[in-house]
């Protein structure tokens, strides 16, 4: 009984379907922003991986010269 009451507080299905437009637009904005941020993170990660690989090669080269 309490479970149904709690769920009824969060569930709202409007009779006027035009109220869904606001939520749809907001959802679309957040999805586009999430994809954009994910692509930025991937691009930055690739740059960092390249820098790390170059640093690793430099260190290995120095170790070979010192040996």
Protein backbone atom coordinates (compact mmCIF):
# COMPACT_ATOMS: atom_id res chain seq x y z
CA UNK A 1 0.00 0.00 0.00
CA UNK A 2 2.75 2.46 0.95
CA UNK A 3 4.78 1.35 -2.07
CA UNK A 4 1.95 2.29 -4.45
CA UNK A 5 1.57 5.66 -2.75
CA UNK A 6 5.29 6.39 -3.05
CA UNK A 7 5.30 5.44 -6.73
CA UNK A 8 2.29 7.62 -7.40
CA UNK A 9 4.27 10.63 -6.18
CA UNK A 10 6.84 10.20 -8.96
CA UNK A 11 4.68 8.95 -11.82
CA UNK A 12 2.87 11.64 -13.74
CA UNK A 13 1.29 11.08 -17.13
CA UNK A 14 -0.25 14.33 -18.36
CA UNK A 15 -3.44 14.32 -20.39
CA UNK A 16 -2.05 17.06 -22.62
CA UNK A 17 0.74 15.40 -24.60
CA UNK A 18 2.30 18.77 -25.47
CA UNK A 19 3.83 18.76 -21.99
CA UNK A 20 6.21 16.04 -23.20
CA UNK A 21 7.96 18.47 -25.56
CA UNK A 22 9.84 20.24 -22.79
CA UNK A 23 11.15 17.01 -21.36
CA UNK A 24 12.05 15.73 -24.83
CA UNK A 25 14.02 18.87 -25.67
CA UNK A 26 15.82 18.77 -22.33
CA UNK A 27 16.67 15.10 -22.80
CA UNK A 28 17.96 15.77 -26.31
CA UNK A 29 20.16 18.63 -25.06
CA UNK A 30 21.66 16.45 -22.33
CA UNK A 31 22.28 13.54 -24.72
CA UNK A 32 24.04 15.81 -27.24
CA UNK A 33 26.10 17.39 -24.45
CA UNK A 34 27.04 13.96 -23.08
CA UNK A 35 28.18 12.76 -26.51
CA UNK A 36 30.19 15.96 -27.03
CA UNK A 37 31.91 15.63 -23.65
CA UNK A 38 32.61 11.94 -24.26
CA UNK A 39 34.28 12.76 -27.59
CA UNK A 40 36.36 15.49 -25.91
CA UNK A 41 37.51 13.05 -23.24
CA UNK A 42 38.43 10.43 -25.84
CA UNK A 43 40.37 13.00 -27.90
CA UNK A 44 42.25 14.22 -24.81
CA UNK A 45 42.95 10.64 -23.76
CA UNK A 46 44.46 9.83 -27.16
CA UNK A 47 46.74 12.88 -26.94
CA UNK A 48 47.84 11.88 -23.46
CA UNK A 49 48.51 8.31 -24.60
CA UNK A 50 50.67 9.62 -27.44
CA UNK A 51 52.64 11.84 -25.04
CA UNK A 52 53.09 8.90 -22.67
CA UNK A 53 54.33 6.67 -25.47
CA UNK A 54 56.84 9.30 -26.59
CA UNK A 55 58.06 9.73 -23.01
CA UNK A 56 58.39 5.97 -22.61
CA UNK A 57 60.43 5.71 -25.81
CA UNK A 58 62.66 8.58 -24.66
CA UNK A 59 63.28 6.91 -21.29
CA UNK A 60 64.02 3.54 -22.91
CA UNK A 61 66.43 5.22 -25.33
CA UNK A 62 68.23 6.90 -22.42
CA UNK A 63 68.46 3.61 -20.56
CA UNK A 64 70.01 1.90 -23.59
CA UNK A 65 72.54 4.71 -23.97
CA UNK A 66 73.48 4.52 -20.28
CA UNK A 67 73.98 0.75 -20.36
